[in-house]
């Protein structure tokens, strides 16, 4: 009986290990299919990038902006609202300037999203002097959401392809209706 119980526990443990490995493998494949790479960067939460074209991230310490410049980014597009805990807008603007980065502040409130913000974002990421751009908010959610709008409106990607990439960059499904609404409004002939 004791041998049977041990074998049962071993099989259960093996199932959990295999399921975990399968899930990790699926996540790696999803990132590979979207072209999104993730990296741990001190002072930057949820750093994801698409080659040298763009990076989307979450909370970014002002001191980390020197590293952003070293990585070849030309601009910082900060989507945080000044009243968010830890936003440090003025310190980030000063650190960006000191590092030689263009600093663009486009406060994006998920509680009351401003559709005109989307046009300002598209203009900012479309300006060659701002490329490549480092886009960030608190988690990467808003940054990836606006990047999804750009993919659909400017690059003419379909919603599913753009959503897969945005999800890999850090967007949650909660912003998808806003993104689709904004993209649809800008895709009308």
N, C-alpha and C. Protein backbone atom coordinates (compact mmCIF):
# COMPACT_ATOMS: atom_id res chain seq x y z
N UNK A 1 0.83 -1.19 0.00
CA UNK A 1 0.00 0.00 0.00
C UNK A 1 0.87 1.25 0.00
N UNK A 2 1.94 1.27 0.80
CA UNK A 2 2.82 2.43 0.89
C UNK A 2 3.48 2.72 -0.46
N UNK A 3 3.91 1.69 -1.15
CA UNK A 3 4.54 1.86 -2.46
C UNK A 3 3.54 2.45 -3.46
N UNK A 4 2.29 2.00 -3.41
CA UNK A 4 1.24 2.51 -4.29
C UNK A 4 0.99 4.00 -4.04
N UNK A 5 0.94 4.42 -2.76
CA UNK A 5 0.73 5.84 -2.41
C UNK A 5 1.87 6.69 -2.92
N UNK A 6 3.11 6.21 -2.76
CA UNK A 6 4.27 6.98 -3.24
C UNK A 6 4.23 7.13 -4.76
N UNK A 7 3.87 6.07 -5.45
CA UNK A 7 3.78 6.12 -6.92
C UNK A 7 2.70 7.11 -7.34
N UNK A 8 1.58 7.12 -6.62
CA UNK A 8 0.50 8.07 -6.92
C UNK A 8 0.94 9.51 -6.73
N UNK A 9 1.66 9.76 -5.63
CA UNK A 9 2.16 11.13 -5.39
C UNK A 9 3.17 11.54 -6.45
N UNK A 10 4.04 10.60 -6.84
CA UNK A 10 5.04 10.89 -7.86
C UNK A 10 4.37 11.25 -9.18
N UNK A 11 3.32 10.48 -9.55
CA UNK A 11 2.61 10.76 -10.79
C UNK A 11 1.91 12.11 -10.74
N UNK A 12 1.33 12.45 -9.60
CA UNK A 12 0.68 13.75 -9.44
C UNK A 12 1.70 14.87 -9.58
N UNK A 13 2.84 14.72 -8.93
CA UNK A 13 3.91 15.73 -9.03
C UNK A 13 4.40 15.85 -10.48
N UNK A 14 4.57 14.73 -11.13
CA UNK A 14 5.03 14.73 -12.52
C UNK A 14 4.03 15.45 -13.42
N UNK A 15 2.73 15.25 -13.18
CA UNK A 15 1.70 15.94 -13.97
C UNK A 15 1.80 17.45 -13.80
N UNK A 16 1.98 17.91 -12.55
CA UNK A 16 2.10 19.34 -12.30
C UNK A 16 3.33 19.92 -12.98
N UNK A 17 4.45 19.21 -12.91
CA UNK A 17 5.68 19.68 -13.54
C UNK A 17 5.50 19.77 -15.06
N UNK A 18 4.90 18.73 -15.65
CA UNK A 18 4.68 18.74 -17.10
C UNK A 18 3.72 19.84 -17.52
N UNK A 19 2.65 20.05 -16.75
CA UNK A 19 1.69 21.13 -17.07
C UNK A 19 2.38 22.49 -16.98
N UNK A 20 3.19 22.67 -15.95
CA UNK A 20 3.91 23.94 -15.80
C UNK A 20 4.87 24.17 -16.96
N UNK A 21 5.57 23.12 -17.36
CA UNK A 21 6.50 23.24 -18.49
C UNK A 21 5.74 23.55 -19.78
N UNK A 22 4.59 22.92 -19.96
CA UNK A 22 3.78 23.18 -21.16
C UNK A 22 3.30 24.62 -21.19
N UNK A 23 2.85 25.14 -20.05
CA UNK A 23 2.40 26.53 -20.00
C UNK A 23 3.55 27.49 -20.27
N UNK A 24 4.70 27.23 -19.68
CA UNK A 24 5.86 28.09 -19.93
C UNK A 24 6.25 28.05 -21.40
N UNK A 25 6.21 26.86 -21.99
CA UNK A 25 6.52 26.72 -23.41
C UNK A 25 5.53 27.48 -24.28
N UNK A 26 4.25 27.42 -23.92
CA UNK A 26 3.23 28.15 -24.68
C UNK A 26 3.47 29.65 -24.59
N UNK A 27 3.87 30.14 -23.42
CA UNK A 27 4.15 31.57 -23.27
C UNK A 27 5.34 31.98 -24.13
N UNK A 28 6.36 31.14 -24.18
CA UNK A 28 7.54 31.45 -24.99
C UNK A 28 7.15 31.48 -26.47
N UNK A 29 6.35 30.51 -26.91
CA UNK A 29 5.91 30.47 -28.30
C UNK A 29 5.08 31.71 -28.62
N UNK A 30 4.16 32.10 -27.71
CA UNK A 30 3.33 33.28 -27.95
C UNK A 30 4.19 34.52 -28.11
N UNK A 31 5.20 34.68 -27.26
CA UNK A 31 6.09 35.83 -27.40
C UNK A 31 6.88 35.75 -28.70
N UNK A 32 7.32 34.57 -29.06
CA UNK A 32 8.10 34.42 -30.30
C UNK A 32 7.24 34.74 -31.51
N UNK A 33 5.98 34.32 -31.51
CA UNK A 33 5.10 34.57 -32.65
C UNK A 33 4.78 36.06 -32.80
N UNK A 34 4.77 36.80 -31.72
CA UNK A 34 4.45 38.22 -31.79
C UNK A 34 5.68 39.08 -32.03
N UNK A 35 6.85 38.52 -31.84
CA UNK A 35 8.08 39.30 -31.97
C UNK A 35 8.44 40.09 -30.73
N UNK A 36 7.67 39.91 -29.66
CA UNK A 36 7.91 40.63 -28.42
C UNK A 36 8.98 39.91 -27.62
N UNK A 37 9.96 40.67 -27.14
CA UNK A 37 10.98 40.15 -26.23
C UNK A 37 10.78 40.82 -24.88
N UNK A 38 10.98 40.06 -23.83
CA UNK A 38 10.87 40.58 -22.47
C UNK A 38 12.23 40.49 -21.81
N UNK A 39 12.51 41.47 -20.98
CA UNK A 39 13.80 41.50 -20.31
C UNK A 39 13.65 42.17 -18.96
N UNK A 40 14.43 41.76 -18.01
CA UNK A 40 14.44 42.39 -16.71
C UNK A 40 15.45 43.54 -16.74
N UNK A 41 14.96 44.75 -16.52
CA UNK A 41 15.82 45.93 -16.54
C UNK A 41 15.65 46.65 -15.20
N UNK A 42 16.73 46.86 -14.47
CA UNK A 42 16.61 47.54 -13.17
C UNK A 42 15.91 48.90 -13.30
N UNK A 43 14.90 49.10 -12.46
CA UNK A 43 14.18 50.37 -12.46
C UNK A 43 13.04 50.45 -13.45
N UNK A 44 12.82 49.37 -14.21
CA UNK A 44 11.74 49.35 -15.21
C UNK A 44 10.90 48.09 -14.99
N UNK A 45 9.60 48.29 -14.83
CA UNK A 45 8.67 47.18 -14.65
C UNK A 45 8.17 46.72 -16.03
N UNK A 46 8.14 45.40 -16.23
CA UNK A 46 7.51 44.82 -17.42
C UNK A 46 8.07 45.36 -18.74
N UNK A 47 9.37 45.33 -18.90
CA UNK A 47 10.03 45.85 -20.10
C UNK A 47 9.87 44.85 -21.25
N UNK A 48 9.12 45.27 -22.28
CA UNK A 48 8.94 44.45 -23.47
C UNK A 48 9.28 45.28 -24.69
N UNK A 49 9.89 44.66 -25.68
CA UNK A 49 10.28 45.44 -26.86
C UNK A 49 10.14 44.63 -28.13
N UNK A 50 10.05 45.36 -29.23
CA UNK A 50 9.95 44.79 -30.57
C UNK A 50 11.19 45.20 -31.34
N UNK A 51 12.21 44.40 -31.28
CA UNK A 51 13.47 44.76 -31.92
C UNK A 51 13.93 46.12 -31.45
N UNK A 52 14.29 46.96 -32.38
CA UNK A 52 14.72 48.32 -32.05
C UNK A 52 13.63 49.34 -32.34
N UNK A 53 12.42 48.88 -32.70
CA UNK A 53 11.35 49.78 -33.11
C UNK A 53 10.67 50.50 -31.95
N UNK A 54 10.34 49.78 -30.90
CA UNK A 54 9.57 50.35 -29.80
C UNK A 54 9.73 49.46 -28.57
N UNK A 55 9.57 50.09 -27.41
CA UNK A 55 9.50 49.34 -26.15
C UNK A 55 8.27 49.84 -25.40
N UNK A 56 7.58 48.93 -24.77
CA UNK A 56 6.46 49.27 -23.90
C UNK A 56 6.80 48.73 -22.52
N UNK A 57 6.49 49.52 -21.50
CA UNK A 57 6.85 49.11 -20.15
C UNK A 57 5.89 49.70 -19.15
N UNK A 58 6.09 49.28 -17.92
CA UNK A 58 5.33 49.81 -16.81
C UNK A 58 6.13 50.89 -16.11
N UNK A 59 5.93 50.99 -14.81
CA UNK A 59 6.58 52.03 -14.01
C UNK A 59 8.09 52.06 -14.29
N UNK A 60 8.59 53.25 -14.50
CA UNK A 60 9.99 53.45 -14.84
C UNK A 60 10.57 54.51 -13.92
N UNK A 61 11.57 54.13 -13.16
CA UNK A 61 12.23 55.08 -12.28
C UNK A 61 12.97 56.12 -13.12
N UNK A 62 12.96 57.38 -12.71
CA UNK A 62 13.70 58.39 -13.47
C UNK A 62 15.15 57.99 -13.72
N UNK A 63 15.79 57.37 -12.74
CA UNK A 63 17.19 56.97 -12.90
C UNK A 63 17.38 55.93 -14.00
N UNK A 64 16.34 55.18 -14.35
CA UNK A 64 16.45 54.15 -15.38
C UNK A 64 16.42 54.73 -16.79
N UNK A 65 16.10 56.00 -16.93
CA UNK A 65 16.01 56.59 -18.26
C UNK A 65 17.38 56.69 -18.95
N UNK A 66 18.45 56.75 -18.18
CA UNK A 66 19.78 56.73 -18.79
C UNK A 66 20.00 55.40 -19.52
N UNK A 67 19.51 54.31 -18.93
CA UNK A 67 19.61 52.99 -19.57
C UNK A 67 18.75 52.93 -20.83
N UNK A 68 17.59 53.58 -20.80
CA UNK A 68 16.72 53.65 -21.97
C UNK A 68 17.49 54.31 -23.13
N UNK A 69 18.18 55.38 -22.84
CA UNK A 69 18.98 56.07 -23.86
C UNK A 69 20.11 55.17 -24.37
N UNK A 70 20.78 54.46 -23.45
CA UNK A 70 21.87 53.55 -23.84
C UNK A 70 21.38 52.47 -24.79
N UNK A 71 20.12 52.09 -24.66
CA UNK A 71 19.54 51.07 -25.51
C UNK A 71 19.12 51.62 -26.87
N UNK A 72 19.30 52.90 -27.09
CA UNK A 72 19.07 53.48 -28.41
C UNK A 72 17.73 54.15 -28.64
N UNK A 73 16.93 54.31 -27.59
CA UNK A 73 15.63 54.97 -27.77
C UNK A 73 15.82 56.48 -27.85
N UNK A 74 15.00 57.13 -28.67
CA UNK A 74 15.11 58.57 -28.89
C UNK A 74 14.16 59.36 -28.01
N UNK A 75 13.05 58.73 -27.62
CA UNK A 75 12.03 59.46 -26.86
C UNK A 75 11.42 58.58 -25.77
N UNK A 76 10.82 59.26 -24.80
CA UNK A 76 10.05 58.63 -23.74
C UNK A 76 8.64 59.19 -23.85
N UNK A 77 7.67 58.30 -24.00
CA UNK A 77 6.26 58.72 -23.99
C UNK A 77 5.67 58.19 -22.69
N UNK A 78 5.46 59.10 -21.76
CA UNK A 78 4.98 58.75 -20.42
C UNK A 78 3.46 58.94 -20.39
N UNK A 79 2.75 57.85 -20.12
CA UNK A 79 1.28 57.88 -20.13
C UNK A 79 0.69 57.98 -18.73
N UNK A 80 1.53 58.14 -17.73
CA UNK A 80 1.03 58.17 -16.36
C UNK A 80 0.36 59.50 -16.03
N UNK A 81 -0.67 59.42 -15.22
CA UNK A 81 -1.34 60.62 -14.71
C UNK A 81 -0.52 61.11 -13.52
N UNK A 82 -0.34 62.40 -13.42
CA UNK A 82 0.54 62.97 -12.39
C UNK A 82 0.13 62.57 -10.97
N UNK A 83 -1.15 62.31 -10.75
CA UNK A 83 -1.62 61.97 -9.41
C UNK A 83 -1.45 60.48 -9.06
N UNK A 84 -0.99 59.67 -10.00
CA UNK A 84 -0.75 58.25 -9.70
C UNK A 84 0.39 58.13 -8.69
N UNK A 85 0.26 57.24 -7.73
CA UNK A 85 1.38 57.02 -6.80
C UNK A 85 2.64 56.61 -7.56
N UNK A 86 3.73 57.31 -7.29
CA UNK A 86 5.01 56.99 -7.92
C UNK A 86 5.19 57.50 -9.34
N UNK A 87 4.29 58.34 -9.84
CA UNK A 87 4.38 58.79 -11.23
C UNK A 87 5.64 59.63 -11.49
N UNK A 88 6.01 60.51 -10.59
CA UNK A 88 7.24 61.32 -10.69
C UNK A 88 7.43 61.96 -12.08
N UNK A 89 6.41 62.63 -12.57
CA UNK A 89 6.44 63.21 -13.92
C UNK A 89 7.58 64.23 -14.07
N UNK A 90 7.68 65.17 -13.14
CA UNK A 90 8.73 66.20 -13.26
C UNK A 90 10.13 65.60 -13.18
N UNK A 91 10.33 64.65 -12.27
CA UNK A 91 11.64 64.01 -12.15
C UNK A 91 11.97 63.20 -13.40
N UNK A 92 10.95 62.55 -13.98
CA UNK A 92 11.16 61.79 -15.21
C UNK A 92 11.51 62.70 -16.38
N UNK A 93 10.83 63.84 -16.46
CA UNK A 93 11.12 64.80 -17.53
C UNK A 93 12.56 65.31 -17.41
N UNK A 94 12.98 65.62 -16.19
CA UNK A 94 14.35 66.10 -15.97
C UNK A 94 15.37 65.01 -16.30
N UNK A 95 15.10 63.78 -15.88
CA UNK A 95 16.02 62.67 -16.14
C UNK A 95 16.10 62.37 -17.65
N UNK A 96 14.98 62.46 -18.33
CA UNK A 96 14.97 62.24 -19.78
C UNK A 96 15.82 63.30 -20.47
N UNK A 97 15.63 64.55 -20.09
CA UNK A 97 16.40 65.64 -20.69
C UNK A 97 17.89 65.44 -20.43
N UNK A 98 18.23 65.08 -19.20
CA UNK A 98 19.65 64.87 -18.84
C UNK A 98 20.26 63.72 -19.65
N UNK A 99 19.44 62.72 -19.97
CA UNK A 99 19.93 61.57 -20.73
C UNK A 99 19.95 61.83 -22.24
N UNK A 100 19.36 62.95 -22.66
CA UNK A 100 19.31 63.26 -24.09
C UNK A 100 18.11 62.65 -24.80
N UNK A 101 17.05 62.39 -24.04
CA UNK A 101 15.82 61.83 -24.59
C UNK A 101 14.76 62.92 -24.74
N UNK A 102 13.93 62.80 -25.75
CA UNK A 102 12.76 63.67 -25.89
C UNK A 102 11.70 63.13 -24.93
N UNK A 103 11.13 63.99 -24.11
CA UNK A 103 10.12 63.57 -23.14
C UNK A 103 8.75 64.07 -23.57
N UNK A 104 7.81 63.14 -23.69
CA UNK A 104 6.44 63.47 -24.08
C UNK A 104 5.51 62.93 -23.00
N UNK A 105 4.72 63.81 -22.42
CA UNK A 105 3.78 63.38 -21.38
C UNK A 105 2.36 63.43 -21.95
N UNK A 106 1.73 62.27 -22.02
CA UNK A 106 0.36 62.14 -22.50
C UNK A 106 -0.44 61.40 -21.43
N UNK A 107 -0.95 62.10 -20.43
CA UNK A 107 -1.64 61.42 -19.33
C UNK A 107 -2.87 60.66 -19.81
N UNK A 108 -2.89 59.36 -19.55
CA UNK A 108 -3.95 58.47 -20.01
C UNK A 108 -4.65 57.88 -18.78
N UNK A 109 -5.84 58.38 -18.50
CA UNK A 109 -6.64 57.89 -17.38
C UNK A 109 -7.58 56.80 -17.89
N UNK A 110 -7.45 55.61 -17.34
CA UNK A 110 -8.34 54.53 -17.76
C UNK A 110 -9.77 54.76 -17.24
N UNK A 111 -9.90 55.56 -16.19
CA UNK A 111 -11.23 55.86 -15.64
C UNK A 111 -12.03 56.75 -16.59
N UNK A 112 -11.34 57.65 -17.29
CA UNK A 112 -12.01 58.56 -18.22
C UNK A 112 -11.09 58.80 -19.42
N UNK A 113 -10.92 57.78 -20.28
CA UNK A 113 -10.00 57.93 -21.41
C UNK A 113 -10.43 59.03 -22.37
N UNK A 114 -9.49 59.85 -22.77
CA UNK A 114 -9.74 60.96 -23.68
C UNK A 114 -9.40 60.51 -25.11
N UNK A 115 -10.39 60.42 -25.99
CA UNK A 115 -10.11 59.98 -27.36
C UNK A 115 -9.08 60.85 -28.09
N UNK A 116 -8.99 62.13 -27.75
CA UNK A 116 -8.00 62.99 -28.42
C UNK A 116 -6.57 62.59 -28.06
N UNK A 117 -6.41 61.90 -26.94
CA UNK A 117 -5.09 61.41 -26.54
C UNK A 117 -4.56 60.44 -27.60
N UNK A 118 -5.44 59.66 -28.19
CA UNK A 118 -5.04 58.68 -29.19
C UNK A 118 -4.40 59.39 -30.39
N UNK A 119 -4.99 60.49 -30.84
CA UNK A 119 -4.43 61.24 -31.96
C UNK A 119 -3.06 61.83 -31.61
N UNK A 120 -2.93 62.34 -30.40
CA UNK A 120 -1.64 62.89 -29.96
C UNK A 120 -0.59 61.78 -29.87
N UNK A 121 -1.00 60.61 -29.40
CA UNK A 121 -0.08 59.47 -29.33
C UNK A 121 0.36 59.05 -30.73
N UNK A 122 -0.59 58.91 -31.65
CA UNK A 122 -0.24 58.50 -33.01
C UNK A 122 0.71 59.50 -33.67
N UNK A 123 0.49 60.77 -33.41
CA UNK A 123 1.39 61.80 -33.95
C UNK A 123 2.78 61.67 -33.34
N UNK A 124 2.84 61.42 -32.05
CA UNK A 124 4.13 61.31 -31.36
C UNK A 124 4.93 60.11 -31.86
N UNK A 125 4.30 58.93 -31.92
CA UNK A 125 5.05 57.74 -32.36
C UNK A 125 5.32 57.76 -33.86
N UNK A 126 4.56 58.53 -34.60
CA UNK A 126 4.77 58.63 -36.04
C UNK A 126 5.84 59.62 -36.44
N UNK A 127 6.26 60.47 -35.52
CA UNK A 127 7.28 61.47 -35.81
C UNK A 127 8.67 60.81 -35.83
N UNK A 128 9.36 60.85 -36.95
CA UNK A 128 10.67 60.19 -37.05
C UNK A 128 11.67 60.61 -35.96
N UNK A 129 11.59 61.85 -35.50
CA UNK A 129 12.57 62.26 -34.48
C UNK A 129 12.29 61.61 -33.11
N UNK A 130 11.11 61.00 -32.95
CA UNK A 130 10.77 60.32 -31.70
C UNK A 130 11.05 58.82 -31.77
N UNK A 131 11.56 58.35 -32.90
CA UNK A 131 11.76 56.92 -33.08
C UNK A 131 13.22 56.54 -32.88
N UNK A 132 13.43 55.40 -32.27
CA UNK A 132 12.47 54.52 -31.64
C UNK A 132 11.96 55.09 -30.31
N UNK A 133 10.76 54.72 -29.95
CA UNK A 133 10.11 55.27 -28.76
C UNK A 133 10.05 54.26 -27.62
N UNK A 134 10.22 54.77 -26.42
CA UNK A 134 10.03 54.00 -25.19
C UNK A 134 8.74 54.53 -24.58
N UNK A 135 7.70 53.68 -24.53
CA UNK A 135 6.38 54.08 -24.08
C UNK A 135 6.10 53.40 -22.75
N UNK A 136 5.67 54.17 -21.75
CA UNK A 136 5.40 53.50 -20.48
C UNK A 136 4.26 54.14 -19.71
N UNK A 137 3.69 53.31 -18.82
CA UNK A 137 2.65 53.74 -17.88
C UNK A 137 3.03 53.11 -16.54
N UNK A 138 2.09 52.63 -15.77
CA UNK A 138 2.43 52.00 -14.48
C UNK A 138 2.72 50.50 -14.64
N UNK A 139 1.98 49.84 -15.55
CA UNK A 139 2.12 48.39 -15.68
C UNK A 139 2.52 47.93 -17.09
N UNK A 140 2.32 48.77 -18.07
CA UNK A 140 2.50 48.42 -19.47
C UNK A 140 1.17 48.27 -20.19
N UNK A 141 0.09 48.24 -19.44
CA UNK A 141 -1.26 48.05 -19.98
C UNK A 141 -1.65 49.17 -20.95
N UNK A 142 -1.58 50.41 -20.50
CA UNK A 142 -1.97 51.54 -21.34
C UNK A 142 -1.00 51.72 -22.50
N UNK A 143 0.29 51.50 -22.25
CA UNK A 143 1.30 51.64 -23.31
C UNK A 143 1.01 50.65 -24.44
N UNK A 144 0.76 49.40 -24.07
CA UNK A 144 0.49 48.37 -25.08
C UNK A 144 -0.85 48.63 -25.78
N UNK A 145 -1.82 49.17 -25.05
CA UNK A 145 -3.13 49.47 -25.65
C UNK A 145 -3.00 50.52 -26.75
N UNK A 146 -2.27 51.58 -26.47
CA UNK A 146 -2.10 52.62 -27.49
C UNK A 146 -1.26 52.11 -28.66
N UNK A 147 -0.30 51.24 -28.37
CA UNK A 147 0.49 50.64 -29.45
C UNK A 147 -0.42 49.78 -30.33
N UNK A 148 -1.40 49.10 -29.73
CA UNK A 148 -2.35 48.30 -30.50
C UNK A 148 -3.15 49.18 -31.46
N UNK A 149 -3.58 50.34 -30.99
CA UNK A 149 -4.30 51.28 -31.87
C UNK A 149 -3.40 51.64 -33.05
N UNK A 150 -2.15 51.94 -32.76
CA UNK A 150 -1.20 52.30 -33.82
C UNK A 150 -1.06 51.18 -34.84
N UNK A 151 -0.95 49.94 -34.35
CA UNK A 151 -0.82 48.80 -35.25
C UNK A 151 -2.03 48.68 -36.17
N UNK A 152 -3.22 48.90 -35.63
CA UNK A 152 -4.44 48.75 -36.43
C UNK A 152 -4.63 49.92 -37.39
N UNK A 153 -4.40 51.13 -36.93
CA UNK A 153 -4.70 52.33 -37.74
C UNK A 153 -3.58 52.63 -38.73
N UNK A 154 -2.36 52.64 -38.28
CA UNK A 154 -1.23 53.02 -39.13
C UNK A 154 -0.69 51.83 -39.94
N UNK A 155 -0.49 50.71 -39.25
CA UNK A 155 0.12 49.55 -39.90
C UNK A 155 -0.90 48.63 -40.56
N UNK A 156 -2.21 48.93 -40.35
CA UNK A 156 -3.31 48.18 -40.97
C UNK A 156 -3.35 46.70 -40.56
N UNK A 157 -2.96 46.43 -39.31
CA UNK A 157 -3.05 45.06 -38.80
C UNK A 157 -4.49 44.75 -38.46
N UNK A 158 -4.86 43.46 -38.52
CA UNK A 158 -6.19 43.06 -38.06
C UNK A 158 -6.20 43.05 -36.53
N UNK A 159 -7.40 43.08 -35.96
CA UNK A 159 -7.55 43.21 -34.50
C UNK A 159 -6.90 42.06 -33.74
N UNK A 160 -7.03 40.83 -34.23
CA UNK A 160 -6.48 39.69 -33.49
C UNK A 160 -4.96 39.72 -33.44
N UNK A 161 -4.34 40.01 -34.57
CA UNK A 161 -2.87 40.07 -34.61
C UNK A 161 -2.37 41.19 -33.69
N UNK A 162 -3.02 42.35 -33.77
CA UNK A 162 -2.63 43.49 -32.93
C UNK A 162 -2.87 43.18 -31.45
N UNK A 163 -3.97 42.50 -31.15
CA UNK A 163 -4.28 42.15 -29.76
C UNK A 163 -3.26 41.16 -29.21
N UNK A 164 -2.87 40.17 -30.00
CA UNK A 164 -1.87 39.20 -29.55
C UNK A 164 -0.56 39.90 -29.18
N UNK A 165 -0.13 40.83 -30.04
CA UNK A 165 1.11 41.55 -29.75
C UNK A 165 0.95 42.43 -28.52
N UNK A 166 -0.17 43.14 -28.43
CA UNK A 166 -0.41 44.03 -27.29
C UNK A 166 -0.48 43.24 -25.99
N UNK A 167 -1.09 42.07 -26.02
CA UNK A 167 -1.16 41.22 -24.84
C UNK A 167 0.24 40.79 -24.42
N UNK A 168 1.06 40.40 -25.38
CA UNK A 168 2.44 40.01 -25.07
C UNK A 168 3.23 41.18 -24.49
N UNK A 169 2.89 42.41 -24.91
CA UNK A 169 3.56 43.60 -24.38
C UNK A 169 3.05 44.00 -22.99
N UNK A 170 1.86 43.54 -22.60
CA UNK A 170 1.37 43.86 -21.27
C UNK A 170 -0.05 44.39 -21.19
N UNK A 171 -0.78 44.41 -22.30
CA UNK A 171 -2.15 44.92 -22.25
C UNK A 171 -3.10 43.88 -21.67
N UNK A 172 -4.04 44.34 -20.86
CA UNK A 172 -5.08 43.46 -20.35
C UNK A 172 -6.30 43.56 -21.26
N UNK A 173 -7.15 42.56 -21.20
CA UNK A 173 -8.34 42.54 -22.05
C UNK A 173 -9.30 43.68 -21.71
N UNK A 174 -9.19 44.25 -20.53
CA UNK A 174 -10.10 45.32 -20.11
C UNK A 174 -10.04 46.54 -21.03
N UNK A 175 -8.89 46.83 -21.62
CA UNK A 175 -8.77 47.99 -22.50
C UNK A 175 -9.12 47.68 -23.96
N UNK A 176 -9.35 46.42 -24.27
CA UNK A 176 -9.63 46.04 -25.66
C UNK A 176 -10.83 46.80 -26.25
N UNK A 177 -11.98 46.93 -25.54
CA UNK A 177 -13.11 47.67 -26.13
C UNK A 177 -12.74 49.12 -26.48
N UNK A 178 -12.00 49.80 -25.61
CA UNK A 178 -11.56 51.17 -25.89
C UNK A 178 -10.68 51.20 -27.14
N UNK A 179 -9.73 50.28 -27.22
CA UNK A 179 -8.81 50.22 -28.35
C UNK A 179 -9.59 49.99 -29.65
N UNK A 180 -10.49 49.02 -29.65
CA UNK A 180 -11.24 48.71 -30.87
C UNK A 180 -12.12 49.89 -31.29
N UNK A 181 -12.73 50.56 -30.32
CA UNK A 181 -13.55 51.73 -30.61
C UNK A 181 -12.71 52.85 -31.23
N UNK A 182 -11.54 53.09 -30.65
CA UNK A 182 -10.67 54.16 -31.16
C UNK A 182 -10.11 53.82 -32.53
N UNK A 183 -9.75 52.57 -32.74
CA UNK A 183 -9.23 52.17 -34.05
C UNK A 183 -10.33 52.28 -35.10
N UNK A 184 -11.52 51.81 -34.78
CA UNK A 184 -12.64 51.87 -35.72
C UNK A 184 -12.95 53.31 -36.11
N UNK A 185 -12.92 54.23 -35.13
CA UNK A 185 -13.21 55.63 -35.42
C UNK A 185 -12.18 56.25 -36.37
N UNK A 186 -10.96 55.76 -36.35
CA UNK A 186 -9.90 56.31 -37.18
C UNK A 186 -9.73 55.57 -38.51
N UNK A 187 -10.36 54.41 -38.64
CA UNK A 187 -10.26 53.64 -39.87
C UNK A 187 -11.40 53.93 -40.85
N UNK A 188 -12.36 54.72 -40.42
CA UNK A 188 -13.48 55.06 -41.31
C UNK A 188 -12.95 55.85 -42.51
N UNK A 189 -13.54 55.56 -43.71
CA UNK A 189 -13.08 56.28 -44.91
C UNK A 189 -13.48 57.74 -44.90
